[in-house]
Amino acid sequence: MAGFAERVKALPRLGIGVSTEYGARTAPGALDPAALRAAHPRWGAFLEVGVEVAKGLDADALAWAARGWPTTYHFLDVNLDEPEDLDPRWLSKVRAIIDVLRPAWLCGDAGLWHFGGRERGHMLLLPPILTGAAVPGMAAGIRALREVTGREVLPENPPGVAFVGDLHLLDFFARVADEADTGLLLDLSHLAIYQHLHGHDALTALDGFPAERVVEVHVAGGIEKEQGGFRWIEDEHGTAVRPEVWRILEALLPRMTNLRAVVLECERNALAEVAPLYADLERRLAP
């Protein structure tokens, strides 16, 4: 198989999109992705569909796919570093969903979506162990999933309020990308949460990060919370994007030469609420 530098040339440029998952639009005040696309085609250029194979695709995702509109497949139920997770039954359902969505690629938070045996509704999502020893297992899972699906698999840096390991988050994913020869999904809001939690400047460790491997970027709002004296930023997919998220985007954008897609994660908000944020994002992405 060709290396990433060659494979990425064949990936489509999707532009700016919106995320969803099963039943997301049924929540009060939630965003209707099709309405976003109708009103602002540039902001709803594609739909990132969060998938648990046990649930499948909801009516909104099916309707979007039926129209032939672009999608990406965001997995919500696989631990990439556990070979047993790529079992035949799960893979069969993944292939069936790929046949419907025809996604440009697969992507998802590269952490622990479940602890122990995979069960419906786990949705645990813990960060990976940030050590060199954890890199080969995750890289092997990415390569295996890429091979069996025929799609690029972009690992995403997960959110968290506690991280274990001696590597910086960006250094860990740089090593994973190199060993798996893969592109990356960089969630800027998750990164800002990590930097804040560790007392780092927002731009810490960016210099050595392989920004040319970033194929997709996520932006989302986050709010600061406190419990028992512990303060953290919750990744709540709202409209209050923190200034450090924009700082990271501004710093990395010139180096993200293979960037193909940007998702504004705002599925829990009405169109009128997110429109100014989309306009701001579009302005910041302009050459």
C-alpha atoms as a PDB file:
ATOM      1  CA  MET A   1       0.000   0.000   0.000  1.00  0.00           C
ATOM      2  CA  ALA A   2       1.178   3.521  -0.763  1.00  0.00           C
ATOM      3  CA  GLY A   3       2.334   5.710   2.095  1.00  0.00           C
ATOM      4  CA  PHE A   4       0.253   8.442   3.670  1.00  0.00           C
ATOM      5  CA  ALA A   5       1.892  11.192   1.607  1.00  0.00           C
ATOM      6  CA  GLU A   6       0.567   9.501  -1.538  1.00  0.00           C
ATOM      7  CA  ARG A   7      -2.769   8.260  -0.167  1.00  0.00           C
ATOM      8  CA  VAL A   8      -3.809  11.670   1.149  1.00  0.00           C
ATOM      9  CA  LYS A   9      -3.754  13.097  -2.383  1.00  0.00           C
ATOM     10  CA  ALA A  10      -6.806  10.984  -3.219  1.00  0.00           C
ATOM     11  CA  LEU A  11      -8.884  12.228  -0.278  1.00  0.00           C
ATOM     12  CA  PRO A  12     -11.644  14.729  -1.120  1.00  0.00           C
ATOM     13  CA  ARG A  13     -11.677  18.285   0.184  1.00  0.00           C
ATOM     14  CA  LEU A  14     -14.917  18.323   2.159  1.00  0.00           C
ATOM     15  CA  GLY A  15     -14.805  21.860   3.532  1.00  0.00           C
ATOM     16  CA  ILE A  16     -16.815  22.833   6.615  1.00  0.00           C
ATOM     17  CA  GLY A  17     -19.312  20.386   8.093  1.00  0.00           C
ATOM     18  CA  VAL A  18     -21.415  19.445  11.079  1.00  0.00           C
ATOM     19  CA  SER A  19     -21.485  16.440  13.385  1.00  0.00           C
ATOM     20  CA  THR A  20     -24.336  14.244  14.563  1.00  0.00           C
ATOM     21  CA  GLU A  21     -24.992  10.932  16.269  1.00  0.00           C
ATOM     22  CA  TYR A  22     -27.984   8.653  16.663  1.00  0.00           C
ATOM     23  CA  GLY A  23     -31.057  10.642  17.744  1.00  0.00           C
ATOM     24  CA  ALA A  24     -29.186  13.934  18.163  1.00  0.00           C
ATOM     25  CA  ARG A  25     -31.866  16.024  16.445  1.00  0.00           C
ATOM     26  CA  THR A  26     -34.610  14.804  18.787  1.00  0.00           C
ATOM     27  CA  ALA A  27     -33.210  16.892  21.655  1.00  0.00           C
ATOM     28  CA  PRO A  28     -35.005  20.211  22.270  1.00  0.00           C
ATOM     29  CA  GLY A  29     -33.403  23.028  20.300  1.00  0.00           C
ATOM     30  CA  ALA A  30     -31.043  20.698  18.429  1.00  0.00           C
ATOM     31  CA  LEU A  31     -29.586  21.549  15.047  1.00  0.00           C
ATOM     32  CA  ASP A  32     -31.114  20.054  11.903  1.00  0.00           C
ATOM     33  CA  PRO A  33     -28.128  19.252   9.639  1.00  0.00           C
ATOM     34  CA  ALA A  34     -30.237  19.230   6.472  1.00  0.00           C
ATOM     35  CA  ALA A  35     -31.683  22.642   7.351  1.00  0.00           C
ATOM     36  CA  LEU A  36     -28.152  23.957   7.905  1.00  0.00           C
ATOM     37  CA  ARG A  37     -27.110  22.682   4.474  1.00  0.00           C
ATOM     38  CA  ALA A  38     -30.194  24.174   2.818  1.00  0.00           C
ATOM     39  CA  ALA A  39     -29.675  27.592   4.411  1.00  0.00           C
ATOM     40  CA  HIS A  40     -25.861  27.658   4.246  1.00  0.00           C
ATOM     41  CA  PRO A  41     -24.439  25.020   1.873  1.00  0.00           C
ATOM     42  CA  ARG A  42     -20.843  26.014   2.661  1.00  0.00           C
ATOM     43  CA  TRP A  43     -21.358  25.307   6.370  1.00  0.00           C
ATOM     44  CA  GLY A  44     -23.166  22.022   5.885  1.00  0.00           C
ATOM     45  CA  ALA A  45     -20.875  20.697   3.169  1.00  0.00           C
ATOM     46  CA  PHE A  46     -20.688  17.279   4.845  1.00  0.00           C
ATOM     47  CA  LEU A  47     -22.057  15.349   7.807  1.00  0.00           C
ATOM     48  CA  GLU A  48     -19.842  13.572  10.316  1.00  0.00           C
ATOM     49  CA  VAL A  49     -21.949  10.671  11.557  1.00  0.00           C
ATOM     50  CA  GLY A  50     -21.185   9.316  15.018  1.00  0.00           C
ATOM     51  CA  VAL A  51     -21.789   5.567  14.873  1.00  0.00           C
ATOM     52  CA  GLU A  52     -22.351   2.799  17.372  1.00  0.00           C
ATOM     53  CA  VAL A  53     -22.995  -0.269  15.232  1.00  0.00           C
ATOM     54  CA  ALA A  54     -25.431  -1.604  17.844  1.00  0.00           C
ATOM     55  CA  LYS A  55     -27.669   1.396  17.111  1.00  0.00           C
ATOM     56  CA  GLY A  56     -26.938   1.835  13.420  1.00  0.00           C
ATOM     57  CA  LEU A  57     -28.024   4.971  11.542  1.00  0.00           C
ATOM     58  CA  ASP A  58     -30.961   7.190  12.434  1.00  0.00           C
ATOM     59  CA  ALA A  59     -33.437   8.737   9.997  1.00  0.00           C
ATOM     60  CA  ASP A  60     -31.407  11.933   9.567  1.00  0.00           C
ATOM     61  CA  ALA A  61     -28.205  10.090   8.651  1.00  0.00           C
ATOM     62  CA  LEU A  62     -30.085   7.772   6.293  1.00  0.00           C
ATOM     63  CA  ALA A  63     -31.824  10.691   4.573  1.00  0.00           C
ATOM     64  CA  TRP A  64     -28.530  12.543   4.175  1.00  0.00           C
ATOM     65  CA  ALA A  65     -26.846   9.475   2.683  1.00  0.00           C
ATOM     66  CA  ALA A  66     -29.808   8.802   0.375  1.00  0.00           C
ATOM     67  CA  ARG A  67     -29.273  12.230  -1.175  1.00  0.00           C
ATOM     68  CA  GLY A  68     -25.666  11.338  -1.913  1.00  0.00           C
ATOM     69  CA  TRP A  69     -24.318  14.153   0.246  1.00  0.00           C
ATOM     70  CA  PRO A  70     -20.762  13.755   1.606  1.00  0.00           C
ATOM     71  CA  THR A  71     -20.168  12.064   4.961  1.00  0.00           C
ATOM     72  CA  THR A  72     -17.480  10.848   7.308  1.00  0.00           C
ATOM     73  CA  TYR A  73     -17.863   7.894   9.698  1.00  0.00           C
ATOM     74  CA  HIS A  74     -16.982   8.716  13.325  1.00  0.00           C
ATOM     75  CA  PHE A  75     -16.773   5.519  15.377  1.00  0.00           C
ATOM     76  CA  LEU A  76     -18.047   5.565  18.956  1.00  0.00           C
ATOM     77  CA  ASP A  77     -17.496   1.944  19.936  1.00  0.00           C
ATOM     78  CA  VAL A  78     -13.992   0.648  19.202  1.00  0.00           C
ATOM     79  CA  ASN A  79     -10.802   0.589  21.250  1.00  0.00           C
ATOM     80  CA  LEU A  80      -8.179   0.754  18.520  1.00  0.00           C
ATOM     81  CA  ASP A  81      -5.496  -0.784  20.720  1.00  0.00           C
ATOM     82  CA  GLU A  82      -7.521  -3.939  21.435  1.00  0.00           C
ATOM     83  CA  PRO A  83      -7.253  -6.463  18.542  1.00  0.00           C
ATOM     84  CA  GLU A  84     -10.283  -8.371  19.829  1.00  0.00           C
ATOM     85  CA  ASP A  85     -12.435  -5.286  19.152  1.00  0.00           C
ATOM     86  CA  LEU A  86     -12.051  -5.838  15.410  1.00  0.00           C
ATOM     87  CA  ASP A  87     -14.169  -8.978  15.597  1.00  0.00           C
ATOM     88  CA  PRO A  88     -15.982 -10.356  12.521  1.00  0.00           C
ATOM     89  CA  ARG A  89     -19.465  -9.436  13.737  1.00  0.00           C
ATOM     90  CA  TRP A  90     -18.559  -5.812  14.431  1.00  0.00           C
ATOM     91  CA  LEU A  91     -16.617  -5.490  11.184  1.00  0.00           C
ATOM     92  CA  SER A  92     -19.552  -6.882   9.220  1.00  0.00           C
ATOM     93  CA  LYS A  93     -21.807  -4.164  10.608  1.00  0.00           C
ATOM     94  CA  VAL A  94     -19.156  -1.493   9.976  1.00  0.00           C
ATOM     95  CA  ARG A  95     -18.926  -2.561   6.329  1.00  0.00           C
ATOM     96  CA  ALA A  96     -22.718  -2.447   6.002  1.00  0.00           C
ATOM     97  CA  ILE A  97     -22.814   1.109   7.362  1.00  0.00           C
ATOM     98  CA  ILE A  98     -19.959   2.133   5.077  1.00  0.00           C
ATOM     99  CA  ASP A  99     -21.990   0.800   2.142  1.00  0.00           C
ATOM    100  CA  VAL A 100     -24.815   3.176   3.115  1.00  0.00           C
ATOM    101  CA  LEU A 101     -22.845   6.277   4.093  1.00  0.00           C
ATOM    102  CA  ARG A 102     -20.042   5.954   1.526  1.00  0.00           C
ATOM    103  CA  PRO A 103     -17.860   8.016   3.888  1.00  0.00           C
ATOM    104  CA  ALA A 104     -14.753   9.841   2.760  1.00  0.00           C
ATOM    105  CA  TRP A 105     -12.904   8.219   5.683  1.00  0.00           C
ATOM    106  CA  LEU A 106     -13.300   6.753   9.161  1.00  0.00           C
ATOM    107  CA  CYS A 107     -12.280   8.680  12.260  1.00  0.00           C
ATOM    108  CA  GLY A 108     -12.865   8.774  15.982  1.00  0.00           C
ATOM    109  CA  ASP A 109     -11.468   9.410  19.440  1.00  0.00           C
ATOM    110  CA  ALA A 110      -8.514   7.077  19.959  1.00  0.00           C
ATOM    111  CA  GLY A 111      -9.080   6.139  23.579  1.00  0.00           C
ATOM    112  CA  LEU A 112     -11.171   3.668  25.552  1.00  0.00           C
ATOM    113  CA  TRP A 113     -14.795   3.613  24.425  1.00  0.00           C
ATOM    114  CA  HIS A 114     -15.483   0.714  26.771  1.00  0.00           C
ATOM    115  CA  PHE A 115     -13.795  -1.122  29.639  1.00  0.00           C
ATOM    116  CA  GLY A 116     -13.870  -4.880  29.458  1.00  0.00           C
ATOM    117  CA  GLY A 117     -16.202  -6.513  26.971  1.00  0.00           C
ATOM    118  CA  ARG A 118     -17.932  -4.209  24.525  1.00  0.00           C
ATOM    119  CA  GLU A 119     -21.575  -3.681  25.483  1.00  0.00           C
ATOM    120  CA  ARG A 120     -24.259  -1.476  23.959  1.00  0.00           C
ATOM    121  CA  GLY A 121     -24.345   1.975  25.487  1.00  0.00           C
ATOM    122  CA  HIS A 122     -20.956   1.912  27.208  1.00  0.00           C
ATOM    123  CA  MET A 123     -19.739   5.209  25.680  1.00  0.00           C
ATOM    124  CA  LEU A 124     -17.060   5.448  28.364  1.00  0.00           C
ATOM    125  CA  LEU A 125     -14.347   7.350  26.432  1.00  0.00           C
ATOM    126  CA  LEU A 126     -11.164   7.639  28.451  1.00  0.00           C
ATOM    127  CA  PRO A 127      -7.899   8.980  26.994  1.00  0.00           C
ATOM    128  CA  PRO A 128      -5.147   6.569  25.953  1.00  0.00           C
ATOM    129  CA  ILE A 129      -2.169   5.899  28.208  1.00  0.00           C
ATOM    130  CA  LEU A 130       0.349   8.487  27.031  1.00  0.00           C
ATOM    131  CA  THR A 131       3.485   6.338  26.983  1.00  0.00           C
ATOM    132  CA  GLY A 132       5.716   5.012  24.248  1.00  0.00           C
ATOM    133  CA  ALA A 133       4.668   1.471  25.147  1.00  0.00           C
ATOM    134  CA  ALA A 134       1.061   2.268  24.209  1.00  0.00           C
ATOM    135  CA  VAL A 135       1.914   3.456  20.700  1.00  0.00           C
ATOM    136  CA  PRO A 136       2.442   0.122  18.865  1.00  0.00           C
ATOM    137  CA  GLY A 137      -0.920  -1.343  19.894  1.00  0.00           C
ATOM    138  CA  MET A 138      -2.882   1.688  18.766  1.00  0.00           C
ATOM    139  CA  ALA A 139      -0.920   1.955  15.532  1.00  0.00           C
ATOM    140  CA  ALA A 140      -1.561  -1.712  14.786  1.00  0.00           C
ATOM    141  CA  GLY A 141      -5.299  -1.218  15.290  1.00  0.00           C
ATOM    142  CA  ILE A 142      -5.358   1.759  12.933  1.00  0.00           C
ATOM    143  CA  ARG A 143      -3.499  -0.167  10.243  1.00  0.00           C
ATOM    144  CA  ALA A 144      -5.769  -3.199  10.651  1.00  0.00           C
ATOM    145  CA  LEU A 145      -9.002  -1.190  10.441  1.00  0.00           C
ATOM    146  CA  ARG A 146      -7.691   0.708   7.434  1.00  0.00           C
ATOM    147  CA  GLU A 147      -6.869  -2.569   5.709  1.00  0.00           C
ATOM    148  CA  VAL A 148     -10.192  -4.314   6.302  1.00  0.00           C
ATOM    149  CA  THR A 149     -12.384  -1.307   5.425  1.00  0.00           C
ATOM    150  CA  GLY A 150     -10.381   0.171   2.573  1.00  0.00           C
ATOM    151  CA  ARG A 151     -10.821   3.612   4.161  1.00  0.00           C
ATOM    152  CA  GLU A 152      -8.358   5.923   5.851  1.00  0.00           C
ATOM    153  CA  VAL A 153      -8.660   5.771   9.653  1.00  0.00           C
ATOM    154  CA  LEU A 154      -7.926   9.071  11.389  1.00  0.00           C
ATOM    155  CA  PRO A 155      -7.322   8.815  15.161  1.00  0.00           C
ATOM    156  CA  GLU A 156      -8.582  11.775  17.189  1.00  0.00           C
ATOM    157  CA  ASN A 157      -7.126  13.134  20.415  1.00  0.00           C
ATOM    158  CA  PRO A 158      -9.855  12.490  23.041  1.00  0.00           C
ATOM    159  CA  PRO A 159     -10.995  14.842  25.797  1.00  0.00           C
ATOM    160  CA  GLY A 160     -10.420  14.068  29.442  1.00  0.00           C
ATOM    161  CA  VAL A 161     -10.097  15.435  32.962  1.00  0.00           C
ATOM    162  CA  ALA A 162      -7.204  13.121  33.863  1.00  0.00           C
ATOM    163  CA  PHE A 163      -4.343  11.811  31.725  1.00  0.00           C
ATOM    164  CA  VAL A 164      -1.781   9.148  32.599  1.00  0.00           C
ATOM    165  CA  GLY A 165       1.666   8.835  31.052  1.00  0.00           C
ATOM    166  CA  ASP A 166       4.919  10.702  30.512  1.00  0.00           C
ATOM    167  CA  LEU A 167       4.322  11.934  26.950  1.00  0.00           C
ATOM    168  CA  HIS A 168       2.636  15.151  25.952  1.00  0.00           C
ATOM    169  CA  LEU A 169      -0.634  14.429  24.141  1.00  0.00           C
ATOM    170  CA  LEU A 170       0.707  15.859  20.881  1.00  0.00           C
ATOM    171  CA  ASP A 171       3.939  13.863  21.117  1.00  0.00           C
ATOM    172  CA  PHE A 172       1.952  10.668  21.680  1.00  0.00           C
ATOM    173  CA  PHE A 173      -0.202  11.176  18.601  1.00  0.00           C
ATOM    174  CA  ALA A 174       2.822  12.201  16.553  1.00  0.00           C
ATOM    175  CA  ARG A 175       4.355   8.814  17.350  1.00  0.00           C
ATOM    176  CA  VAL A 176       1.097   7.001  16.581  1.00  0.00           C
ATOM    177  CA  ALA A 177       0.803   8.786  13.241  1.00  0.00           C
ATOM    178  CA  ASP A 178       4.360   7.868  12.321  1.00  0.00           C
ATOM    179  CA  GLU A 179       4.092   4.204  13.303  1.00  0.00           C
ATOM    180  CA  ALA A 180       0.643   3.730  11.709  1.00  0.00           C
ATOM    181  CA  ASP A 181       1.599   5.916   8.713  1.00  0.00           C
ATOM    182  CA  THR A 182      -1.740   7.645   9.100  1.00  0.00           C
ATOM    183  CA  GLY A 183      -3.373  11.005   8.959  1.00  0.00           C
ATOM    184  CA  LEU A 184      -4.880  12.581  12.068  1.00  0.00           C
ATOM    185  CA  LEU A 185      -8.065  14.211  13.264  1.00  0.00           C
ATOM    186  CA  LEU A 186      -6.990  17.040  15.563  1.00  0.00           C
ATOM    187  CA  ASP A 187      -9.686  18.230  17.917  1.00  0.00           C
ATOM    188  CA  LEU A 188      -8.573  21.731  18.844  1.00  0.00           C
ATOM    189  CA  SER A 189     -11.042  21.996  21.711  1.00  0.00           C
ATOM    190  CA  HIS A 190      -9.856  18.720  23.236  1.00  0.00           C
ATOM    191  CA  LEU A 191      -6.273  19.936  22.888  1.00  0.00           C
ATOM    192  CA  ALA A 192      -7.100  23.238  24.589  1.00  0.00           C
ATOM    193  CA  ILE A 193      -8.700  21.283  27.451  1.00  0.00           C
ATOM    194  CA  TYR A 194      -5.549  19.180  27.824  1.00  0.00           C
ATOM    195  CA  GLN A 195      -3.228  22.206  27.777  1.00  0.00           C
ATOM    196  CA  HIS A 196      -5.353  24.034  30.355  1.00  0.00           C
ATOM    197  CA  LEU A 197      -5.536  20.995  32.641  1.00  0.00           C
ATOM    198  CA  HIS A 198      -1.752  20.689  32.702  1.00  0.00           C
ATOM    199  CA  GLY A 199      -1.058  24.396  33.085  1.00  0.00           C
ATOM    200  CA  HIS A 200       0.504  24.642  29.622  1.00  0.00           C
ATOM    201  CA  ASP A 201       0.284  27.510  27.209  1.00  0.00           C
ATOM    202  CA  ALA A 202      -2.140  26.705  24.419  1.00  0.00           C
ATOM    203  CA  LEU A 203       0.728  26.400  21.905  1.00  0.00           C
ATOM    204  CA  THR A 204       2.934  24.069  23.976  1.00  0.00           C
ATOM    205  CA  ALA A 205       4.483  21.205  21.931  1.00  0.00           C
ATOM    206  CA  LEU A 206       3.075  22.453  18.626  1.00  0.00           C
ATOM    207  CA  ASP A 207       6.549  22.997  17.142  1.00  0.00           C
ATOM    208  CA  GLY A 208       7.329  19.295  16.876  1.00  0.00           C
ATOM    209  CA  PHE A 209       3.838  18.177  15.908  1.00  0.00           C
ATOM    210  CA  PRO A 210       3.463  16.837  12.331  1.00  0.00           C
ATOM    211  CA  ALA A 211       0.730  19.245  11.232  1.00  0.00           C
ATOM    212  CA  GLU A 212       1.018  17.974   7.649  1.00  0.00           C
ATOM    213  CA  ARG A 213      -0.668  14.763   8.827  1.00  0.00           C
ATOM    214  CA  VAL A 214      -3.819  16.595   9.987  1.00  0.00           C
ATOM    215  CA  VAL A 215      -6.630  15.771   7.568  1.00  0.00           C
ATOM    216  CA  GLU A 216      -9.541  16.912   9.717  1.00  0.00           C
ATOM    217  CA  VAL A 217     -10.016  19.452  12.506  1.00  0.00           C
ATOM    218  CA  HIS A 218     -12.765  19.789  15.114  1.00  0.00           C
ATOM    219  CA  VAL A 219     -13.847  23.008  16.805  1.00  0.00           C
ATOM    220  CA  ALA A 220     -16.353  23.146  19.675  1.00  0.00           C
ATOM    221  CA  GLY A 221     -17.379  25.262  22.620  1.00  0.00           C
ATOM    222  CA  GLY A 222     -16.237  24.459  26.136  1.00  0.00           C
ATOM    223  CA  ILE A 223     -17.191  25.773  29.551  1.00  0.00           C
ATOM    224  CA  GLU A 224     -15.181  25.892  32.761  1.00  0.00           C
ATOM    225  CA  LYS A 225     -16.594  23.948  35.695  1.00  0.00           C
ATOM    226  CA  GLU A 226     -15.632  23.319  39.306  1.00  0.00           C
ATOM    227  CA  GLN A 227     -16.409  20.516  41.718  1.00  0.00           C
ATOM    228  CA  GLY A 228     -14.887  20.187  45.169  1.00  0.00           C
ATOM    229  CA  GLY A 229     -12.121  22.612  44.289  1.00  0.00           C
ATOM    230  CA  PHE A 230     -11.227  20.818  41.058  1.00  0.00           C
ATOM    231  CA  ARG A 231     -11.564  22.993  37.966  1.00  0.00           C
ATOM    232  CA  TRP A 232     -11.813  21.697  34.414  1.00  0.00           C
ATOM    233  CA  ILE A 233     -13.167  22.588  30.987  1.00  0.00           C
ATOM    234  CA  GLU A 234     -16.071  20.504  29.782  1.00  0.00           C
ATOM    235  CA  ASP A 235     -16.266  19.750  26.075  1.00  0.00           C
ATOM    236  CA  GLU A 236     -19.966  20.583  25.805  1.00  0.00           C
ATOM    237  CA  HIS A 237     -20.260  21.290  22.054  1.00  0.00           C
ATOM    238  CA  GLY A 238     -21.763  24.701  22.721  1.00  0.00           C
ATOM    239  CA  THR A 239     -21.222  28.022  20.991  1.00  0.00           C
ATOM    240  CA  ALA A 240     -18.686  29.483  23.459  1.00  0.00           C
ATOM    241  CA  VAL A 241     -15.416  28.598  21.706  1.00  0.00           C
ATOM    242  CA  ARG A 242     -12.513  29.454  23.972  1.00  0.00           C
ATOM    243  CA  PRO A 243      -9.874  31.945  22.738  1.00  0.00           C
ATOM    244  CA  GLU A 244      -7.084  29.362  23.040  1.00  0.00           C
ATOM    245  CA  VAL A 245      -8.859  27.174  20.468  1.00  0.00           C
ATOM    246  CA  TRP A 246      -8.606  29.976  17.936  1.00  0.00           C
ATOM    247  CA  ARG A 247      -4.957  30.557  18.907  1.00  0.00           C
ATOM    248  CA  ILE A 248      -4.125  26.936  18.129  1.00  0.00           C
ATOM    249  CA  LEU A 249      -5.985  27.073  14.823  1.00  0.00           C
ATOM    250  CA  GLU A 250      -4.190  30.255  13.796  1.00  0.00           C
ATOM    251  CA  ALA A 251      -0.794  28.799  14.716  1.00  0.00           C
ATOM    252  CA  LEU A 252      -1.279  25.485  12.914  1.00  0.00           C
ATOM    253  CA  LEU A 253      -3.306  26.475   9.866  1.00  0.00           C
ATOM    254  CA  PRO A 254      -0.335  27.430   7.653  1.00  0.00           C
ATOM    255  CA  ARG A 255       1.303  24.055   8.411  1.00  0.00           C
ATOM    256  CA  MET A 256      -1.792  21.884   7.919  1.00  0.00           C
ATOM    257  CA  THR A 257      -1.087  21.430   4.231  1.00  0.00           C
ATOM    258  CA  ASN A 258      -3.263  18.317   3.902  1.00  0.00           C
ATOM    259  CA  LEU A 259      -6.306  19.668   5.757  1.00  0.00           C
ATOM    260  CA  ARG A 260      -9.456  18.436   4.027  1.00  0.00           C
ATOM    261  CA  ALA A 261     -12.283  19.014   6.495  1.00  0.00           C
ATOM    262  CA  VAL A 262     -13.317  21.106   9.499  1.00  0.00           C
ATOM    263  CA  VAL A 263     -16.220  20.114  11.743  1.00  0.00           C
ATOM    264  CA  LEU A 264     -17.979  22.592  14.001  1.00  0.00           C
ATOM    265  CA  GLU A 265     -19.424  20.397  16.727  1.00  0.00           C
ATOM    266  CA  CYS A 266     -22.610  22.213  17.685  1.00  0.00           C
ATOM    267  CA  GLU A 267     -25.375  19.662  17.205  1.00  0.00           C
ATOM    268  CA  ARG A 268     -27.200  20.631  20.404  1.00  0.00           C
ATOM    269  CA  ASN A 269     -27.819  24.232  19.324  1.00  0.00           C
ATOM    270  CA  ALA A 270     -30.358  25.911  17.038  1.00  0.00           C
ATOM    271  CA  LEU A 271     -29.352  27.239  13.628  1.00  0.00           C
ATOM    272  CA  ALA A 272     -29.759  30.869  14.666  1.00  0.00           C
ATOM    273  CA  GLU A 273     -27.359  30.274  17.568  1.00  0.00           C
ATOM    274  CA  VAL A 274     -24.629  28.613  15.528  1.00  0.00           C
ATOM    275  CA  ALA A 275     -24.772  30.759  12.378  1.00  0.00           C
ATOM    276  CA  PRO A 276     -22.495  33.523  13.796  1.00  0.00           C
ATOM    277  CA  LEU A 277     -19.994  30.881  14.906  1.00  0.00           C
ATOM    278  CA  TYR A 278     -19.947  29.263  11.466  1.00  0.00           C
ATOM    279  CA  ALA A 279     -19.391  32.675   9.907  1.00  0.00           C
ATOM    280  CA  ASP A 280     -16.502  33.319  12.294  1.00  0.00           C
ATOM    281  CA  LEU A 281     -14.956  29.921  11.554  1.00  0.00           C
ATOM    282  CA  GLU A 282     -15.258  30.463   7.809  1.00  0.00           C
ATOM    283  CA  ARG A 283     -13.554  33.838   8.139  1.00  0.00           C
ATOM    284  CA  ARG A 284     -10.676  32.348  10.142  1.00  0.00           C
ATOM    285  CA  LEU A 285     -10.154  29.582   7.579  1.00  0.00           C
ATOM    286  CA  ALA A 286     -10.064  31.955   4.620  1.00  0.00           C
ATOM    287  CA  PRO A 287      -6.673  32.208   2.850  1.00  0.00           C
END
